[in-house]
Amino acid sequence: MILLQAVGQPSSMPMILMMVAIFAIMWFFMIRPQQKKQKEIQNWRNSITVGTNVVTAGGIYGVVRGINEADNILEVEIANGVRIRVDRNSVYAQAQSQNN
């Protein structure tokens, strides 16, 4: 009787294979490129040096004038003599040269 029930049931293997294929497609076209981009951004943030022109998450343009590696803080000059402290992770782009 158990054998007859097993023979009568349709196999769920094609459904499982289709779900694995969908996950693989999502991985290669969505998740993997995003992880690569995040790694590139983090590598760029780690390579910031004094004198680098940056843009913060708030859209503030400035020049890095100091780096506190222990606290992960950048000191950014946004105008002559005006400096702010920002977290390194809030810097998103390298800005074009400024005329200060």
PDB file of N, CA and C in Angstrom:
ATOM      1  N   MET A   1       0.819  -1.190   0.000  1.00  0.00           N
ATOM      2  CA  MET A   1       0.000   0.000   0.000  1.00  0.00           C
ATOM      3  C   MET A   1       0.863   1.254   0.000  1.00  0.00           C
ATOM      4  N   ILE A   2       1.935   1.273   0.797  1.00  0.00           N
ATOM      5  CA  ILE A   2       2.838   2.420   0.822  1.00  0.00           C
ATOM      6  C   ILE A   2       3.527   2.560  -0.527  1.00  0.00           C
ATOM      7  N   LEU A   3       3.886   1.446  -1.135  1.00  0.00           N
ATOM      8  CA  LEU A   3       4.542   1.473  -2.424  1.00  0.00           C
ATOM      9  C   LEU A   3       3.619   2.068  -3.477  1.00  0.00           C
ATOM     10  N   LEU A   4       2.354   1.759  -3.441  1.00  0.00           N
ATOM     11  CA  LEU A   4       1.406   2.311  -4.401  1.00  0.00           C
ATOM     12  C   LEU A   4       1.253   3.824  -4.222  1.00  0.00           C
ATOM     13  N   GLN A   5       1.278   4.314  -2.992  1.00  0.00           N
ATOM     14  CA  GLN A   5       1.170   5.753  -2.769  1.00  0.00           C
ATOM     15  C   GLN A   5       2.403   6.476  -3.308  1.00  0.00           C
ATOM     16  N   ALA A   6       3.561   5.882  -3.141  1.00  0.00           N
ATOM     17  CA  ALA A   6       4.792   6.511  -3.619  1.00  0.00           C
ATOM     18  C   ALA A   6       4.820   6.547  -5.143  1.00  0.00           C
ATOM     19  N   VAL A   7       4.332   5.518  -5.794  1.00  0.00           N
ATOM     20  CA  VAL A   7       4.328   5.478  -7.251  1.00  0.00           C
ATOM     21  C   VAL A   7       3.319   6.486  -7.800  1.00  0.00           C
ATOM     22  N   GLY A   8       2.218   6.693  -7.144  1.00  0.00           N
ATOM     23  CA  GLY A   8       1.176   7.587  -7.617  1.00  0.00           C
ATOM     24  C   GLY A   8       1.502   9.069  -7.429  1.00  0.00           C
ATOM     25  N   GLN A   9       2.420   9.398  -6.534  1.00  0.00           N
ATOM     26  CA  GLN A   9       2.761  10.797  -6.252  1.00  0.00           C
ATOM     27  C   GLN A   9       3.678  11.342  -7.352  1.00  0.00           C
ATOM     28  N   PRO A  10       3.417  12.560  -7.829  1.00  0.00           N
ATOM     29  CA  PRO A  10       4.346  13.167  -8.790  1.00  0.00           C
ATOM     30  C   PRO A  10       5.632  13.578  -8.060  1.00  0.00           C
ATOM     31  N   SER A  11       6.706  13.536  -8.766  1.00  0.00           N
ATOM     32  CA  SER A  11       8.012  13.840  -8.179  1.00  0.00           C
ATOM     33  C   SER A  11       8.146  15.347  -7.949  1.00  0.00           C
ATOM     34  N   SER A  12       8.747  15.710  -6.826  1.00  0.00           N
ATOM     35  CA  SER A  12       8.957  17.128  -6.536  1.00  0.00           C
ATOM     36  C   SER A  12      10.361  17.573  -6.954  1.00  0.00           C
ATOM     37  N   MET A  13      11.111  16.699  -7.585  1.00  0.00           N
ATOM     38  CA  MET A  13      12.474  17.020  -7.999  1.00  0.00           C
ATOM     39  C   MET A  13      12.539  18.179  -9.000  1.00  0.00           C
ATOM     40  N   PRO A  14      11.697  18.230 -10.032  1.00  0.00           N
ATOM     41  CA  PRO A  14      11.766  19.371 -10.959  1.00  0.00           C
ATOM     42  C   PRO A  14      11.493  20.716 -10.256  1.00  0.00           C
ATOM     43  N   MET A  15      10.612  20.718  -9.279  1.00  0.00           N
ATOM     44  CA  MET A  15      10.301  21.940  -8.541  1.00  0.00           C
ATOM     45  C   MET A  15      11.528  22.409  -7.750  1.00  0.00           C
ATOM     46  N   ILE A  16      12.221  21.457  -7.116  1.00  0.00           N
ATOM     47  CA  ILE A  16      13.411  21.788  -6.341  1.00  0.00           C
ATOM     48  C   ILE A  16      14.509  22.303  -7.266  1.00  0.00           C
ATOM     49  N   LEU A  17      14.703  21.656  -8.415  1.00  0.00           N
ATOM     50  CA  LEU A  17      15.714  22.095  -9.369  1.00  0.00           C
ATOM     51  C   LEU A  17      15.417  23.493  -9.900  1.00  0.00           C
ATOM     52  N   MET A  18      14.149  23.781 -10.139  1.00  0.00           N
ATOM     53  CA  MET A  18      13.773  25.110 -10.628  1.00  0.00           C
ATOM     54  C   MET A  18      14.056  26.174  -9.570  1.00  0.00           C
ATOM     55  N   MET A  19      13.785  25.883  -8.311  1.00  0.00           N
ATOM     56  CA  MET A  19      14.058  26.844  -7.240  1.00  0.00           C
ATOM     57  C   MET A  19      15.557  27.076  -7.091  1.00  0.00           C
ATOM     58  N   VAL A  20      16.351  26.036  -7.206  1.00  0.00           N
ATOM     59  CA  VAL A  20      17.811  26.180  -7.140  1.00  0.00           C
ATOM     60  C   VAL A  20      18.301  27.025  -8.316  1.00  0.00           C
ATOM     61  N   ALA A  21      17.745  26.787  -9.500  1.00  0.00           N
ATOM     62  CA  ALA A  21      18.143  27.566 -10.679  1.00  0.00           C
ATOM     63  C   ALA A  21      17.782  29.035 -10.504  1.00  0.00           C
ATOM     64  N   ILE A  22      16.619  29.330  -9.963  1.00  0.00           N
ATOM     65  CA  ILE A  22      16.211  30.726  -9.735  1.00  0.00           C
ATOM     66  C   ILE A  22      17.140  31.392  -8.734  1.00  0.00           C
ATOM     67  N   PHE A  23      17.493  30.685  -7.670  1.00  0.00           N
ATOM     68  CA  PHE A  23      18.420  31.240  -6.691  1.00  0.00           C
ATOM     69  C   PHE A  23      19.786  31.510  -7.324  1.00  0.00           C
ATOM     70  N   ALA A  24      20.267  30.588  -8.148  1.00  0.00           N
ATOM     71  CA  ALA A  24      21.567  30.770  -8.804  1.00  0.00           C
ATOM     72  C   ALA A  24      21.550  31.979  -9.728  1.00  0.00           C
ATOM     73  N   ILE A  25      20.473  32.165 -10.457  1.00  0.00           N
ATOM     74  CA  ILE A  25      20.344  33.325 -11.344  1.00  0.00           C
ATOM     75  C   ILE A  25      20.346  34.610 -10.529  1.00  0.00           C
ATOM     76  N   MET A  26      19.588  34.638  -9.440  1.00  0.00           N
ATOM     77  CA  MET A  26      19.566  35.831  -8.581  1.00  0.00           C
ATOM     78  C   MET A  26      20.950  36.102  -8.023  1.00  0.00           C
ATOM     79  N   TRP A  27      21.661  35.065  -7.617  1.00  0.00           N
ATOM     80  CA  TRP A  27      23.003  35.222  -7.046  1.00  0.00           C
ATOM     81  C   TRP A  27      23.944  35.883  -8.050  1.00  0.00           C
ATOM     82  N   PHE A  28      23.961  35.389  -9.290  1.00  0.00           N
ATOM     83  CA  PHE A  28      24.916  35.892 -10.272  1.00  0.00           C
ATOM     84  C   PHE A  28      24.540  37.251 -10.842  1.00  0.00           C
ATOM     85  N   PHE A  29      23.270  37.595 -10.879  1.00  0.00           N
ATOM     86  CA  PHE A  29      22.876  38.859 -11.487  1.00  0.00           C
ATOM     87  C   PHE A  29      22.548  39.962 -10.490  1.00  0.00           C
ATOM     88  N   MET A  30      22.322  39.634  -9.226  1.00  0.00           N
ATOM     89  CA  MET A  30      21.939  40.665  -8.257  1.00  0.00           C
ATOM     90  C   MET A  30      22.873  40.709  -7.055  1.00  0.00           C
ATOM     91  N   ILE A  31      23.027  39.623  -6.363  1.00  0.00           N
ATOM     92  CA  ILE A  31      23.752  39.612  -5.088  1.00  0.00           C
ATOM     93  C   ILE A  31      25.255  39.738  -5.305  1.00  0.00           C
ATOM     94  N   ARG A  32      25.812  38.959  -6.186  1.00  0.00           N
ATOM     95  CA  ARG A  32      27.259  38.946  -6.403  1.00  0.00           C
ATOM     96  C   ARG A  32      27.797  40.304  -6.876  1.00  0.00           C
ATOM     97  N   PRO A  33      27.193  40.960  -7.876  1.00  0.00           N
ATOM     98  CA  PRO A  33      27.701  42.276  -8.281  1.00  0.00           C
ATOM     99  C   PRO A  33      27.616  43.317  -7.151  1.00  0.00           C
ATOM    100  N   GLN A  34      26.576  43.242  -6.341  1.00  0.00           N
ATOM    101  CA  GLN A  34      26.445  44.185  -5.231  1.00  0.00           C
ATOM    102  C   GLN A  34      27.544  43.962  -4.204  1.00  0.00           C
ATOM    103  N   GLN A  35      27.879  42.713  -3.927  1.00  0.00           N
ATOM    104  CA  GLN A  35      28.958  42.417  -2.993  1.00  0.00           C
ATOM    105  C   GLN A  35      30.297  42.913  -3.529  1.00  0.00           C
ATOM    106  N   LYS A  36      30.531  42.760  -4.839  1.00  0.00           N
ATOM    107  CA  LYS A  36      31.767  43.243  -5.437  1.00  0.00           C
ATOM    108  C   LYS A  36      31.857  44.762  -5.345  1.00  0.00           C
ATOM    109  N   LYS A  37      30.753  45.449  -5.579  1.00  0.00           N
ATOM    110  CA  LYS A  37      30.742  46.913  -5.503  1.00  0.00           C
ATOM    111  C   LYS A  37      31.003  47.375  -4.071  1.00  0.00           C
ATOM    112  N   GLN A  38      30.396  46.727  -3.088  1.00  0.00           N
ATOM    113  CA  GLN A  38      30.625  47.083  -1.682  1.00  0.00           C
ATOM    114  C   GLN A  38      32.085  46.878  -1.304  1.00  0.00           C
ATOM    115  N   LYS A  39      32.697  45.814  -1.811  1.00  0.00           N
ATOM    116  CA  LYS A  39      34.107  45.552  -1.522  1.00  0.00           C
ATOM    117  C   LYS A  39      34.987  46.643  -2.133  1.00  0.00           C
ATOM    118  N   GLU A  40      34.666  47.082  -3.356  1.00  0.00           N
ATOM    119  CA  GLU A  40      35.424  48.158  -4.002  1.00  0.00           C
ATOM    120  C   GLU A  40      35.307  49.458  -3.211  1.00  0.00           C
ATOM    121  N   ILE A  41      34.092  49.779  -2.756  1.00  0.00           N
ATOM    122  CA  ILE A  41      33.877  51.000  -1.973  1.00  0.00           C
ATOM    123  C   ILE A  41      34.659  50.936  -0.674  1.00  0.00           C
ATOM    124  N   GLN A  42      34.636  49.792   0.002  1.00  0.00           N
ATOM    125  CA  GLN A  42      35.362  49.659   1.268  1.00  0.00           C
ATOM    126  C   GLN A  42      36.868  49.767   1.042  1.00  0.00           C
ATOM    127  N   ASN A  43      37.366  49.176  -0.028  1.00  0.00           N
ATOM    128  CA  ASN A  43      38.795  49.301  -0.334  1.00  0.00           C
ATOM    129  C   ASN A  43      39.163  50.754  -0.611  1.00  0.00           C
ATOM    130  N   TRP A  44      38.302  51.486  -1.331  1.00  0.00           N
ATOM    131  CA  TRP A  44      38.561  52.901  -1.588  1.00  0.00           C
ATOM    132  C   TRP A  44      38.564  53.689  -0.279  1.00  0.00           C
ATOM    133  N   ARG A  45      37.594  53.431   0.590  1.00  0.00           N
ATOM    134  CA  ARG A  45      37.556  54.139   1.877  1.00  0.00           C
ATOM    135  C   ARG A  45      38.816  53.878   2.690  1.00  0.00           C
ATOM    136  N   ASN A  46      39.310  52.666   2.664  1.00  0.00           N
ATOM    137  CA  ASN A  46      40.518  52.335   3.415  1.00  0.00           C
ATOM    138  C   ASN A  46      41.767  52.979   2.817  1.00  0.00           C
ATOM    139  N   SER A  47      41.704  53.361   1.536  1.00  0.00           N
ATOM    140  CA  SER A  47      42.869  53.956   0.882  1.00  0.00           C
ATOM    141  C   SER A  47      42.855  55.485   0.920  1.00  0.00           C
ATOM    142  N   ILE A  48      41.867  56.083   1.565  1.00  0.00           N
ATOM    143  CA  ILE A  48      41.790  57.550   1.653  1.00  0.00           C
ATOM    144  C   ILE A  48      43.010  58.062   2.409  1.00  0.00           C
ATOM    145  N   THR A  49      43.626  59.102   1.857  1.00  0.00           N
ATOM    146  CA  THR A  49      44.784  59.716   2.500  1.00  0.00           C
ATOM    147  C   THR A  49      44.507  61.206   2.713  1.00  0.00           C
ATOM    148  N   VAL A  50      45.364  61.844   3.487  1.00  0.00           N
ATOM    149  CA  VAL A  50      45.247  63.285   3.711  1.00  0.00           C
ATOM    150  C   VAL A  50      45.395  63.976   2.361  1.00  0.00           C
ATOM    151  N   GLY A  51      44.496  64.923   2.087  1.00  0.00           N
ATOM    152  CA  GLY A  51      44.513  65.651   0.825  1.00  0.00           C
ATOM    153  C   GLY A  51      43.516  65.137  -0.196  1.00  0.00           C
ATOM    154  N   THR A  52      42.851  64.027   0.089  1.00  0.00           N
ATOM    155  CA  THR A  52      41.860  63.465  -0.837  1.00  0.00           C
ATOM    156  C   THR A  52      40.584  64.295  -0.803  1.00  0.00           C
ATOM    157  N   ASN A  53      40.068  64.657  -1.979  1.00  0.00           N
ATOM    158  CA  ASN A  53      38.783  65.359  -2.083  1.00  0.00           C
ATOM    159  C   ASN A  53      37.671  64.324  -1.960  1.00  0.00           C
ATOM    160  N   VAL A  54      36.707  64.569  -1.066  1.00  0.00           N
ATOM    161  CA  VAL A  54      35.648  63.600  -0.812  1.00  0.00           C
ATOM    162  C   VAL A  54      34.282  64.270  -0.778  1.00  0.00           C
ATOM    163  N   VAL A  55      33.245  63.433  -0.876  1.00  0.00           N
ATOM    164  CA  VAL A  55      31.857  63.855  -0.698  1.00  0.00           C
ATOM    165  C   VAL A  55      31.269  62.968   0.389  1.00  0.00           C
ATOM    166  N   THR A  56      30.638  63.569   1.398  1.00  0.00           N
ATOM    167  CA  THR A  56      30.035  62.795   2.473  1.00  0.00           C
ATOM    168  C   THR A  56      28.642  62.338   2.076  1.00  0.00           C
ATOM    169  N   ALA A  57      28.052  61.495   2.908  1.00  0.00           N
ATOM    170  CA  ALA A  57      26.698  60.992   2.650  1.00  0.00           C
ATOM    171  C   ALA A  57      25.691  62.133   2.631  1.00  0.00           C
ATOM    172  N   GLY A  58      25.977  63.204   3.355  1.00  0.00           N
ATOM    173  CA  GLY A  58      25.075  64.361   3.389  1.00  0.00           C
ATOM    174  C   GLY A  58      25.280  65.315   2.233  1.00  0.00           C
ATOM    175  N   GLY A  59      26.214  65.006   1.333  1.00  0.00           N
ATOM    176  CA  GLY A  59      26.449  65.849   0.169  1.00  0.00           C
ATOM    177  C   GLY A  59      27.421  66.985   0.434  1.00  0.00           C
ATOM    178  N   ILE A  60      28.199  66.885   1.493  1.00  0.00           N
ATOM    179  CA  ILE A  60      29.168  67.928   1.824  1.00  0.00           C
ATOM    180  C   ILE A  60      30.487  67.600   1.138  1.00  0.00           C
ATOM    181  N   TYR A  61      30.995  68.569   0.371  1.00  0.00           N
ATOM    182  CA  TYR A  61      32.262  68.416  -0.310  1.00  0.00           C
ATOM    183  C   TYR A  61      33.374  68.937   0.578  1.00  0.00           C
ATOM    184  N   GLY A  62      34.503  68.262   0.584  1.00  0.00           N
ATOM    185  CA  GLY A  62      35.615  68.723   1.384  1.00  0.00           C
ATOM    186  C   GLY A  62      36.893  67.988   1.065  1.00  0.00           C
ATOM    187  N   VAL A  63      37.948  68.358   1.788  1.00  0.00           N
ATOM    188  CA  VAL A  63      39.267  67.763   1.622  1.00  0.00           C
ATOM    189  C   VAL A  63      39.671  67.138   2.952  1.00  0.00           C
ATOM    190  N   VAL A  64      40.140  65.908   2.919  1.00  0.00           N
ATOM    191  CA  VAL A  64      40.573  65.220   4.133  1.00  0.00           C
ATOM    192  C   VAL A  64      41.845  65.897   4.635  1.00  0.00           C
ATOM    193  N   ARG A  65      41.816  66.361   5.891  1.00  0.00           N
ATOM    194  CA  ARG A  65      42.970  67.022   6.505  1.00  0.00           C
ATOM    195  C   ARG A  65      43.552  66.215   7.654  1.00  0.00           C
ATOM    196  N   GLY A  66      42.837  65.213   8.121  1.00  0.00           N
ATOM    197  CA  GLY A  66      43.352  64.369   9.191  1.00  0.00           C
ATOM    198  C   GLY A  66      42.610  63.053   9.228  1.00  0.00           C
ATOM    199  N   ILE A  67      43.282  62.013   9.704  1.00  0.00           N
ATOM    200  CA  ILE A  67      42.686  60.679   9.786  1.00  0.00           C
ATOM    201  C   ILE A  67      42.989  60.097  11.159  1.00  0.00           C
ATOM    202  N   ASN A  68      41.940  59.660  11.860  1.00  0.00           N
ATOM    203  CA  ASN A  68      42.086  58.971  13.130  1.00  0.00           C
ATOM    204  C   ASN A  68      41.758  57.501  12.869  1.00  0.00           C
ATOM    205  N   GLU A  69      42.785  56.703  12.644  1.00  0.00           N
ATOM    206  CA  GLU A  69      42.593  55.287  12.298  1.00  0.00           C
ATOM    207  C   GLU A  69      41.922  54.504  13.424  1.00  0.00           C
ATOM    208  N   ALA A  70      42.253  54.840  14.678  1.00  0.00           N
ATOM    209  CA  ALA A  70      41.722  54.084  15.810  1.00  0.00           C
ATOM    210  C   ALA A  70      40.208  54.209  15.913  1.00  0.00           C
ATOM    211  N   ASP A  71      39.686  55.423  15.705  1.00  0.00           N
ATOM    212  CA  ASP A  71      38.241  55.655  15.814  1.00  0.00           C
ATOM    213  C   ASP A  71      37.541  55.641  14.466  1.00  0.00           C
ATOM    214  N   ASN A  72      38.314  55.464  13.356  1.00  0.00           N
ATOM    215  CA  ASN A  72      37.737  55.426  12.018  1.00  0.00           C
ATOM    216  C   ASN A  72      37.064  56.743  11.658  1.00  0.00           C
ATOM    217  N   ILE A  73      37.709  57.856  12.020  1.00  0.00           N
ATOM    218  CA  ILE A  73      37.147  59.188  11.806  1.00  0.00           C
ATOM    219  C   ILE A  73      38.057  59.989  10.883  1.00  0.00           C
ATOM    220  N   LEU A  74      37.436  60.716   9.958  1.00  0.00           N
ATOM    221  CA  LEU A  74      38.160  61.612   9.071  1.00  0.00           C
ATOM    222  C   LEU A  74      37.878  63.053   9.486  1.00  0.00           C
ATOM    223  N   GLU A  75      38.882  63.878   9.428  1.00  0.00           N
ATOM    224  CA  GLU A  75      38.697  65.313   9.636  1.00  0.00           C
ATOM    225  C   GLU A  75      38.680  65.934   8.248  1.00  0.00           C
ATOM    226  N   VAL A  76      37.529  66.524   7.884  1.00  0.00           N
ATOM    227  CA  VAL A  76      37.329  67.042   6.536  1.00  0.00           C
ATOM    228  C   VAL A  76      37.207  68.558   6.604  1.00  0.00           C
ATOM    229  N   GLU A  77      38.005  69.246   5.786  1.00  0.00           N
ATOM    230  CA  GLU A  77      37.933  70.706   5.700  1.00  0.00           C
ATOM    231  C   GLU A  77      36.926  71.047   4.608  1.00  0.00           C
ATOM    232  N   ILE A  78      35.846  71.749   4.990  1.00  0.00           N
ATOM    233  CA  ILE A  78      34.787  72.066   4.038  1.00  0.00           C
ATOM    234  C   ILE A  78      34.866  73.505   3.543  1.00  0.00           C
ATOM    235  N   ALA A  79      35.643  74.341   4.221  1.00  0.00           N
ATOM    236  CA  ALA A  79      35.935  75.719   3.816  1.00  0.00           C
ATOM    237  C   ALA A  79      37.245  76.091   4.488  1.00  0.00           C
ATOM    238  N   ASN A  80      37.820  77.201   4.086  1.00  0.00           N
ATOM    239  CA  ASN A  80      39.079  77.615   4.694  1.00  0.00           C
ATOM    240  C   ASN A  80      38.919  77.747   6.201  1.00  0.00           C
ATOM    241  N   GLY A  81      39.630  76.899   6.947  1.00  0.00           N
ATOM    242  CA  GLY A  81      39.593  76.955   8.400  1.00  0.00           C
ATOM    243  C   GLY A  81      38.396  76.283   9.045  1.00  0.00           C
ATOM    244  N   VAL A  82      37.478  75.732   8.262  1.00  0.00           N
ATOM    245  CA  VAL A  82      36.295  75.066   8.816  1.00  0.00           C
ATOM    246  C   VAL A  82      36.461  73.558   8.614  1.00  0.00           C
ATOM    247  N   ARG A  83      36.584  72.841   9.733  1.00  0.00           N
ATOM    248  CA  ARG A  83      36.790  71.392   9.660  1.00  0.00           C
ATOM    249  C   ARG A  83      35.703  70.668  10.435  1.00  0.00           C
ATOM    250  N   ILE A  84      35.276  69.550   9.880  1.00  0.00           N
ATOM    251  CA  ILE A  84      34.285  68.708  10.548  1.00  0.00           C
ATOM    252  C   ILE A  84      34.867  67.310  10.667  1.00  0.00           C
ATOM    253  N   ARG A  85      34.357  66.573  11.633  1.00  0.00           N
ATOM    254  CA  ARG A  85      34.759  65.178  11.815  1.00  0.00           C
ATOM    255  C   ARG A  85      33.621  64.293  11.334  1.00  0.00           C
ATOM    256  N   VAL A  86      33.943  63.345  10.480  1.00  0.00           N
ATOM    257  CA  VAL A  86      32.929  62.425   9.949  1.00  0.00           C
ATOM    258  C   VAL A  86      33.458  61.000  10.046  1.00  0.00           C
ATOM    259  N   ASP A  87      32.544  60.073  10.176  1.00  0.00           N
ATOM    260  CA  ASP A  87      32.901  58.657  10.163  1.00  0.00           C
ATOM    261  C   ASP A  87      33.367  58.292   8.758  1.00  0.00           C
ATOM    262  N   ARG A  88      34.390  57.474   8.689  1.00  0.00           N
ATOM    263  CA  ARG A  88      34.941  57.076   7.386  1.00  0.00           C
ATOM    264  C   ARG A  88      33.874  56.408   6.516  1.00  0.00           C
ATOM    265  N   ASN A  89      32.946  55.674   7.114  1.00  0.00           N
ATOM    266  CA  ASN A  89      31.910  54.975   6.351  1.00  0.00           C
ATOM    267  C   ASN A  89      30.855  55.910   5.783  1.00  0.00           C
ATOM    268  N   SER A  90      30.863  57.189   6.174  1.00  0.00           N
ATOM    269  CA  SER A  90      29.889  58.125   5.617  1.00  0.00           C
ATOM    270  C   SER A  90      30.453  58.880   4.423  1.00  0.00           C
ATOM    271  N   VAL A  91      31.641  58.523   3.980  1.00  0.00           N
ATOM    272  CA  VAL A  91      32.235  59.120   2.788  1.00  0.00           C
ATOM    273  C   VAL A  91      31.936  58.194   1.625  1.00  0.00           C
ATOM    274  N   TYR A  92      31.312  58.737   0.580  1.00  0.00           N
ATOM    275  CA  TYR A  92      30.831  57.887  -0.502  1.00  0.00           C
ATOM    276  C   TYR A  92      31.515  58.077  -1.839  1.00  0.00           C
ATOM    277  N   ALA A  93      32.175  59.199  -2.053  1.00  0.00           N
ATOM    278  CA  ALA A  93      32.746  59.406  -3.379  1.00  0.00           C
ATOM    279  C   ALA A  93      33.959  60.305  -3.296  1.00  0.00           C
ATOM    280  N   GLN A  94      34.758  60.208  -4.326  1.00  0.00           N
ATOM    281  CA  GLN A  94      35.884  61.114  -4.443  1.00  0.00           C
ATOM    282  C   GLN A  94      35.411  62.299  -5.266  1.00  0.00           C
ATOM    283  N   ALA A  95      35.564  63.494  -4.707  1.00  0.00           N
ATOM    284  CA  ALA A  95      35.086  64.706  -5.367  1.00  0.00           C
ATOM    285  C   ALA A  95      36.132  65.220  -6.357  1.00  0.00           C
ATOM    286  N   GLN A  96      35.671  66.016  -7.283  1.00  0.00           N
ATOM    287  CA  GLN A  96      36.576  66.713  -8.197  1.00  0.00           C
ATOM    288  C   GLN A  96      37.342  67.761  -7.408  1.00  0.00           C
ATOM    289  N   SER A  97      38.435  68.245  -7.953  1.00  0.00           N
ATOM    290  CA  SER A  97      39.242  69.264  -7.269  1.00  0.00           C
ATOM    291  C   SER A  97      38.395  70.486  -6.953  1.00  0.00           C
ATOM    292  N   GLN A  98      38.692  71.055  -5.786  1.00  0.00           N
ATOM    293  CA  GLN A  98      37.971  72.249  -5.342  1.00  0.00           C
ATOM    294  C   GLN A  98      38.892  73.441  -5.416  1.00  0.00           C
ATOM    295  N   ASN A  99      38.330  74.613  -5.561  1.00  0.00           N
ATOM    296  CA  ASN A  99      39.095  75.847  -5.551  1.00  0.00           C
ATOM    297  C   ASN A  99      38.953  76.491  -4.205  1.00  0.00           C
ATOM    298  N   ASN A 100      39.778  76.102  -3.232  1.00  0.00           N
ATOM    299  CA  ASN A 100      39.726  76.678  -1.889  1.00  0.00           C
ATOM    300  C   ASN A 100      40.671  77.809  -1.772  1.00  0.00           C
TER     301      ASN A 100
END
